[in-house]
C-alpha atoms as a PDB file:
ATOM      1  CA  MET A   1      59.467  94.246  51.784  1.00  0.00           C
ATOM      2  CA  LYS A   2      58.415  93.764  48.177  1.00  0.00           C
ATOM      3  CA  GLU A   3      56.164  90.881  49.231  1.00  0.00           C
ATOM      4  CA  LEU A   4      54.552  92.979  51.963  1.00  0.00           C
ATOM      5  CA  ILE A   5      53.652  95.736  49.506  1.00  0.00           C
ATOM      6  CA  THR A   6      52.325  93.200  46.999  1.00  0.00           C
ATOM      7  CA  VAL A   7      50.104  91.453  49.564  1.00  0.00           C
ATOM      8  CA  ILE A   8      48.628  94.697  50.857  1.00  0.00           C
ATOM      9  CA  ALA A   9      48.008  96.105  47.369  1.00  0.00           C
ATOM     10  CA  ARG A  10      46.375  92.896  46.111  1.00  0.00           C
ATOM     11  CA  ARG A  11      43.846  93.053  48.953  1.00  0.00           C
ATOM     12  CA  LEU A  12      42.865  96.599  47.989  1.00  0.00           C
ATOM     13  CA  VAL A  13      42.291  96.291  44.233  1.00  0.00           C
ATOM     14  CA  ASP A  14      39.768  94.664  41.883  1.00  0.00           C
ATOM     15  CA  HIS A  15      42.490  93.321  39.555  1.00  0.00           C
ATOM     16  CA  PRO A  16      45.032  91.622  41.862  1.00  0.00           C
ATOM     17  CA  ASP A  17      46.859  89.946  38.971  1.00  0.00           C
ATOM     18  CA  ASP A  18      47.883  93.362  37.609  1.00  0.00           C
ATOM     19  CA  VAL A  19      49.772  94.355  40.779  1.00  0.00           C
ATOM     20  CA  SER A  20      53.535  94.559  40.370  1.00  0.00           C
ATOM     21  CA  VAL A  21      56.312  96.040  42.469  1.00  0.00           C
ATOM     22  CA  ALA A  22      59.674  97.081  41.053  1.00  0.00           C
ATOM     23  CA  VAL A  23      62.642  97.746  43.332  1.00  0.00           C
ATOM     24  CA  GLU A  24      65.183 100.490  42.696  1.00  0.00           C
ATOM     25  CA  GLU A  25      68.098 100.452  45.122  1.00  0.00           C
ATOM     26  CA  ARG A  26      70.226 103.514  45.646  1.00  0.00           C
ATOM     27  CA  GLU A  27      73.183 103.863  47.944  1.00  0.00           C
ATOM     28  CA  ASP A  28      71.211 105.447  50.791  1.00  0.00           C
ATOM     29  CA  SER A  29      67.620 104.489  49.992  1.00  0.00           C
ATOM     30  CA  VAL A  30      65.305 101.933  48.404  1.00  0.00           C
ATOM     31  CA  VAL A  31      62.409 102.932  46.144  1.00  0.00           C
ATOM     32  CA  TYR A  32      59.519 100.515  45.633  1.00  0.00           C
ATOM     33  CA  LYS A  33      57.461 101.349  42.545  1.00  0.00           C
ATOM     34  CA  LEU A  34      53.932  99.986  42.857  1.00  0.00           C
ATOM     35  CA  GLN A  35      52.016  99.565  39.617  1.00  0.00           C
ATOM     36  CA  VAL A  36      48.337  98.567  39.490  1.00  0.00           C
ATOM     37  CA  HIS A  37      45.571  98.397  36.892  1.00  0.00           C
ATOM     38  CA  PRO A  38      44.589 101.945  35.769  1.00  0.00           C
ATOM     39  CA  SER A  39      41.097 101.599  37.251  1.00  0.00           C
ATOM     40  CA  ASP A  40      42.565 100.617  40.647  1.00  0.00           C
ATOM     41  CA  VAL A  41      44.905 103.585  41.142  1.00  0.00           C
ATOM     42  CA  GLY A  42      42.281 105.498  43.123  1.00  0.00           C
ATOM     43  CA  LYS A  43      41.729 102.542  45.440  1.00  0.00           C
ATOM     44  CA  VAL A  44      45.425 102.344  46.272  1.00  0.00           C
ATOM     45  CA  ILE A  45      45.688 106.099  46.843  1.00  0.00           C
ATOM     46  CA  GLY A  46      42.402 106.516  48.733  1.00  0.00           C
ATOM     47  CA  LYS A  47      40.548 109.680  49.632  1.00  0.00           C
ATOM     48  CA  GLN A  48      43.007 112.500  50.218  1.00  0.00           C
ATOM     49  CA  GLY A  49      45.844 109.951  49.968  1.00  0.00           C
ATOM     50  CA  ARG A  50      45.006 108.218  53.246  1.00  0.00           C
ATOM     51  CA  ILE A  51      45.547 104.649  52.035  1.00  0.00           C
ATOM     52  CA  ALA A  52      48.806 105.552  50.291  1.00  0.00           C
ATOM     53  CA  LYS A  53      50.020 107.295  53.439  1.00  0.00           C
ATOM     54  CA  SER A  54      49.088 104.282  55.568  1.00  0.00           C
ATOM     55  CA  LEU A  55      50.872 101.929  53.164  1.00  0.00           C
ATOM     56  CA  ARG A  56      53.993 104.092  53.325  1.00  0.00           C
ATOM     57  CA  THR A  57      53.822 104.162  57.137  1.00  0.00           C
ATOM     58  CA  VAL A  58      53.602 100.370  57.362  1.00  0.00           C
ATOM     59  CA  VAL A  59      56.519  99.899  54.961  1.00  0.00           C
ATOM     60  CA  THR A  60      58.642 102.500  56.751  1.00  0.00           C
ATOM     61  CA  SER A  61      57.948 100.835  60.094  1.00  0.00           C
ATOM     62  CA  ALA A  62      58.793  97.391  58.730  1.00  0.00           C
ATOM     63  CA  ALA A  63      62.055  98.741  57.292  1.00  0.00           C
ATOM     64  CA  ALA A  64      63.162 100.394  60.528  1.00  0.00           C
ATOM     65  CA  ARG A  65      65.813  97.716  61.063  1.00  0.00           C
ATOM     66  CA  GLU A  66      67.656  98.696  57.892  1.00  0.00           C
ATOM     67  CA  ASN A  67      69.746 101.841  57.804  1.00  0.00           C
ATOM     68  CA  LYS A  68      68.210 102.970  54.521  1.00  0.00           C
ATOM     69  CA  ARG A  69      65.313 105.242  53.757  1.00  0.00           C
ATOM     70  CA  VAL A  70      62.371 103.521  52.102  1.00  0.00           C
ATOM     71  CA  PHE A  71      59.987 105.116  49.608  1.00  0.00           C
ATOM     72  CA  VAL A  72      56.845 103.763  47.961  1.00  0.00           C
ATOM     73  CA  ASP A  73      55.866 105.359  44.647  1.00  0.00           C
ATOM     74  CA  ILE A  74      52.576 104.601  42.960  1.00  0.00           C
ATOM     75  CA  VAL A  75      53.214 104.514  39.225  1.00  0.00           C
ATOM     76  CA  ASP A  76      50.486 105.359  36.712  1.00  0.00           C
END
């Protein structure tokens, strides 16, 4: 899942080398913290959060096989 988020985010930004994803596992969920270059945050979020919502939808769909909730946080 971490690789999926990284690949998608790198295609969206101007500074693909600055993309990193940290994983925080909890007992009932997994939180992926996406960090990008400060000038690329708007590109990952998109107008009215549409790109961020789409990214979260793709990740949630890909994680449907697991019995854990999946969250994607975009870190400043």
